[in-house]
Amino acid sequence: MTQTSLLDRLASLDTNTVSDALDFLNLPGATYGLRPLWDCPKIVGRASTIQLGRKGDAKPAVHLISPVIDAVTTDDRVLVVAGGAEGISCWGDILANAAVSKKVRGTVIDGLSRDIDGSESVGYPVYGRGVTMISARNRVIQIDSGKPVQMAGVTVHENDYVIADRCGTVFVPAAHIEEVLDLGERIAKRQDGMVAAVRAGRSVAEVMHDKEFEAIAVR
C-alpha cells in the first residue's frame, strides 16, 4: 500500500479512534497534554524527530530545528520536537514560515511555542504544551535529529505516523500502521452504529456494555 493511501486512511480517523485501536493492540502511542496551540486543523503525517537540550555556553549556534526544516524534501513531514524546557520557547513564527515554504504539515512540541499568532497567520498547525514569550536563543539548542525521542512518555521513531486534532496527539509505530488502520476503521464503523442505535431509542446502557466494545476487535 502506498504512503499516500496510508496517510489518507489515517486522516479519515480521529485521535480517539486511533487511541482505542492502540489500546486493543496493547501498543503505546496516545499522549496527554499535547494540544493545539491555536484553533488549528488536524495534522496527519510522518515524524521527523528532533531532540533539544539546554545550551551549556554562550557561543553562537545554528538555530534549533532549522537544519531539519532545510533538509525536508517530501510533503508528508510532521516535526516532532522533544526536550522543550519549562517556560522557554522552542518554536516561533520564522520557523513556521520556513516550514510552510517546505510543505511541512505541522509541528508537535513536547514543550512551548512563542509567536503563536505568527503561526496562525500563515495557517501553520502547532501542537504542544502551551505558549510563552521567552526565546530559546542562548538557552536551548538542537542536540540530535532522526533518532528516537520521548514525547509525553511515548517513544517516537523517525517515520512513525502522527495524528493530532482537538483531543490531542497520537503516534503510531510505523511497523504497526496497517493493523492499527484496519482496526481503527472497524472501530469507527462500530461506533457509528452505536450512535445510530442510541438515536433510534435503544438503551445506552445496553449499547455501551463492555461486550459491545469487545466485539469490535472480532472481525
Protein backbone atom coordinates (compact mmCIF):
# COMPACT_ATOMS: atom_id res chain seq x y z
CA MET A 1 0.00 0.00 0.00
CA THR A 2 1.36 3.46 -0.87
CA GLN A 3 2.25 6.02 1.78
CA THR A 4 -0.37 8.38 0.33
CA SER A 5 -3.15 5.85 0.81
CA LEU A 6 -1.98 5.04 4.35
CA LEU A 7 -1.99 8.72 5.26
CA ASP A 8 -5.40 9.22 3.66
CA ARG A 9 -6.79 6.34 5.72
CA LEU A 10 -5.27 7.74 8.89
CA ALA A 11 -6.69 11.18 8.09
CA SER A 12 -10.19 9.67 7.84
CA LEU A 13 -9.99 8.73 11.54
CA ASP A 14 -9.64 10.84 14.67
CA THR A 15 -7.31 10.60 17.66
CA ASN A 16 -9.97 8.98 19.84
CA THR A 17 -10.42 6.11 17.40
CA VAL A 18 -6.69 5.64 16.83
CA SER A 19 -6.10 5.66 20.59
CA ASP A 20 -8.77 2.96 21.00
CA ALA A 21 -7.15 0.85 18.29
CA LEU A 22 -3.79 1.10 20.04
CA ASP A 23 -5.48 0.06 23.31
CA PHE A 24 -6.93 -3.07 21.68
CA LEU A 25 -3.49 -3.94 20.30
CA ASN A 26 -1.66 -3.13 23.57
CA LEU A 27 0.53 -0.61 21.78
CA PRO A 28 1.76 2.73 23.18
CA GLY A 29 1.17 5.95 21.27
CA ALA A 30 -1.57 8.08 22.81
CA THR A 31 -0.29 11.10 24.74
CA TYR A 32 -1.73 13.57 27.21
CA GLY A 33 -1.10 17.32 27.15
CA LEU A 34 0.00 17.89 23.55
CA ARG A 35 -2.91 20.02 22.36
CA PRO A 36 -3.44 22.55 19.53
CA LEU A 37 -1.86 25.89 20.43
CA TRP A 38 -4.29 27.81 18.23
CA ASP A 39 -7.56 26.73 16.62
CA CYS A 40 -5.61 24.82 14.02
CA PRO A 41 -6.67 21.94 11.78
CA LYS A 42 -5.91 18.27 12.31
CA ILE A 43 -2.49 17.14 11.14
CA VAL A 44 -1.56 13.73 9.79
CA GLY A 45 1.89 12.78 8.58
CA ARG A 46 5.19 11.05 9.30
CA ALA A 47 7.55 12.06 12.07
CA SER A 48 10.77 13.96 11.61
CA THR A 49 12.19 13.68 15.12
CA ILE A 50 14.22 16.39 16.83
CA GLN A 51 15.86 16.31 20.26
CA LEU A 52 16.52 19.55 22.14
CA GLY A 53 18.60 20.22 25.24
CA ARG A 54 19.92 23.03 27.41
CA LYS A 55 22.70 25.16 25.96
CA GLY A 56 25.85 24.97 28.05
CA ASP A 57 27.75 28.02 26.72
CA ALA A 58 27.20 31.38 25.02
CA LYS A 59 28.88 30.53 21.69
CA PRO A 60 26.79 31.29 18.58
CA ALA A 61 24.99 28.23 17.20
CA VAL A 62 22.69 27.32 14.31
CA HIS A 63 19.14 27.95 15.47
CA LEU A 64 17.38 24.84 16.71
CA ILE A 65 15.14 22.90 14.26
CA SER A 66 16.21 24.99 11.25
CA PRO A 67 18.60 22.33 9.81
CA VAL A 68 15.78 19.74 9.84
CA ILE A 69 13.43 22.10 8.01
CA ASP A 70 16.13 22.88 5.44
CA ALA A 71 16.57 19.15 4.79
CA VAL A 72 12.87 18.37 4.11
CA THR A 73 12.28 17.04 0.58
CA THR A 74 8.78 15.49 0.81
CA ASP A 75 5.32 16.80 1.66
CA ASP A 76 4.43 14.24 4.37
CA ARG A 77 6.53 15.56 7.26
CA VAL A 78 5.41 16.45 10.79
CA LEU A 79 8.13 17.90 13.01
CA VAL A 80 8.20 16.06 16.35
CA VAL A 81 10.21 18.08 18.84
CA ALA A 82 11.27 16.65 22.22
CA GLY A 83 13.14 18.13 25.16
CA GLY A 84 11.46 21.51 25.49
CA ALA A 85 12.43 23.36 28.67
CA GLU A 86 9.95 24.72 31.20
CA GLY A 87 8.97 28.30 30.36
CA ILE A 88 11.19 28.53 27.26
CA SER A 89 10.00 28.55 23.65
CA CYS A 90 11.21 26.04 21.09
CA TRP A 91 9.06 27.24 18.17
CA GLY A 92 8.21 30.60 16.59
CA ASP A 93 6.84 32.38 13.56
CA ILE A 94 10.05 32.43 11.49
CA LEU A 95 10.31 28.66 11.78
CA ALA A 96 6.61 28.41 10.91
CA ASN A 97 7.10 30.41 7.72
CA ALA A 98 10.10 28.27 6.77
CA ALA A 99 8.09 25.10 7.41
CA VAL A 100 5.22 26.34 5.24
CA SER A 101 7.65 27.01 2.40
CA LYS A 102 8.89 23.41 2.64
CA LYS A 103 5.33 21.98 2.76
CA VAL A 104 5.75 20.61 6.28
CA ARG A 105 2.34 19.54 7.62
CA GLY A 106 2.72 20.74 11.20
CA THR A 107 4.76 20.66 14.39
CA VAL A 108 4.24 18.79 17.67
CA ILE A 109 6.33 20.05 20.58
CA ASP A 110 6.84 18.43 23.96
CA GLY A 111 7.31 22.00 25.13
CA LEU A 112 6.20 25.57 24.41
CA SER A 113 5.86 27.96 21.47
CA ARG A 114 6.16 31.71 21.16
CA ASP A 115 4.79 33.96 18.39
CA ILE A 116 1.76 31.71 18.13
CA ASP A 117 -0.17 34.45 16.30
CA GLY A 118 2.51 34.30 13.62
CA SER A 119 2.00 30.55 13.15
CA GLU A 120 -1.75 31.10 13.00
CA SER A 121 -1.41 33.92 10.46
CA VAL A 122 0.21 31.53 7.95
CA GLY A 123 -2.15 28.66 8.83
CA TYR A 124 0.61 26.50 10.26
CA PRO A 125 -0.58 23.91 12.83
CA VAL A 126 1.34 23.80 16.13
CA TYR A 127 0.59 21.33 18.92
CA GLY A 128 2.31 21.39 22.28
CA ARG A 129 2.06 22.03 25.99
CA GLY A 130 1.49 25.78 25.90
CA VAL A 131 2.78 29.20 24.91
CA THR A 132 5.39 31.60 26.23
CA MET A 133 7.24 34.71 25.06
CA ILE A 134 10.71 33.63 26.29
CA SER A 135 13.17 32.95 23.48
CA ALA A 136 15.17 29.73 23.09
CA ARG A 137 18.19 31.69 21.92
CA ASN A 138 21.21 31.02 24.19
CA ARG A 139 19.01 28.78 26.34
CA VAL A 140 18.08 25.70 24.28
CA ILE A 141 19.81 24.01 21.34
CA GLN A 142 19.16 21.11 18.99
CA ILE A 143 21.32 18.17 20.01
CA ASP A 144 20.12 15.48 17.58
CA SER A 145 17.60 14.59 14.87
CA GLY A 146 16.28 11.48 13.18
CA LYS A 147 16.68 9.43 16.37
CA PRO A 148 14.06 8.06 18.81
CA VAL A 149 12.65 10.74 21.14
CA GLN A 150 10.37 10.75 24.18
CA MET A 151 7.12 12.67 23.65
CA ALA A 152 4.94 12.90 26.77
CA GLY A 153 6.14 9.46 27.80
CA VAL A 154 5.83 7.85 24.35
CA THR A 155 8.88 6.78 22.33
CA VAL A 156 8.61 8.14 18.77
CA HIS A 157 10.89 6.99 15.95
CA GLU A 158 11.72 8.74 12.70
CA ASN A 159 8.96 7.99 10.16
CA ASP A 160 6.39 6.87 12.72
CA TYR A 161 2.87 8.11 11.94
CA VAL A 162 1.37 11.16 13.63
CA ILE A 163 -2.24 12.23 14.02
CA ALA A 164 -3.20 15.30 16.06
CA ASP A 165 -6.56 17.03 16.49
CA ARG A 166 -8.52 18.95 19.14
CA CYS A 167 -8.39 15.98 21.54
CA GLY A 168 -4.59 15.73 21.41
CA THR A 169 -1.78 13.84 19.70
CA VAL A 170 -1.24 10.15 18.93
CA PHE A 171 1.84 8.47 17.49
CA VAL A 172 1.56 5.14 15.63
CA PRO A 173 4.62 2.91 15.23
CA ALA A 174 5.37 2.55 11.53
CA ALA A 175 5.66 -1.24 11.82
CA HIS A 176 2.04 -1.44 13.03
CA ILE A 177 0.32 1.19 10.89
CA GLU A 178 -1.72 -1.20 8.73
CA GLU A 179 -3.13 -3.23 11.62
CA VAL A 180 -3.92 -0.01 13.52
CA LEU A 181 -5.74 1.38 10.47
CA ASP A 182 -7.65 -1.87 9.89
CA LEU A 183 -8.82 -1.96 13.49
CA GLY A 184 -9.44 1.79 13.64
CA GLU A 185 -11.73 1.60 10.63
CA ARG A 186 -13.70 -1.24 12.25
CA ILE A 187 -13.96 0.76 15.49
CA ALA A 188 -15.23 3.84 13.62
CA LYS A 189 -17.86 1.78 11.79
CA ARG A 190 -18.98 0.07 15.00
CA GLN A 191 -19.18 3.33 16.93
CA ASP A 192 -21.21 4.96 14.15
CA GLY A 193 -23.65 2.07 14.50
CA MET A 194 -23.78 2.52 18.28
CA VAL A 195 -24.62 6.21 17.89
CA ALA A 196 -27.35 5.33 15.41
CA ALA A 197 -28.74 2.75 17.82
CA VAL A 198 -28.92 5.26 20.69
CA ARG A 199 -30.60 7.83 18.45
CA ALA A 200 -33.12 5.19 17.43
CA GLY A 201 -34.06 4.68 21.08
CA ARG A 202 -32.02 1.65 22.14
CA SER A 203 -30.87 1.69 25.78
CA VAL A 204 -27.50 3.43 26.09
CA ALA A 205 -26.60 1.04 28.93
CA GLU A 206 -27.06 -1.85 26.52
CA VAL A 207 -25.34 -0.14 23.60
CA MET A 208 -22.27 0.79 25.68
CA HIS A 209 -21.93 -2.52 27.53
CA ASP A 210 -18.35 -3.84 27.59
CA LYS A 211 -19.33 -6.81 25.41
CA GLU A 212 -20.29 -4.41 22.63
CA PHE A 213 -16.82 -2.85 22.65
CA GLU A 214 -15.08 -6.22 22.93
CA ALA A 215 -16.95 -7.29 19.79
CA ILE A 216 -15.17 -4.54 17.85
CA ALA A 217 -11.93 -6.49 17.90
CA VAL A 218 -13.61 -9.51 16.31
CA ARG A 219 -13.73 -9.48 12.54
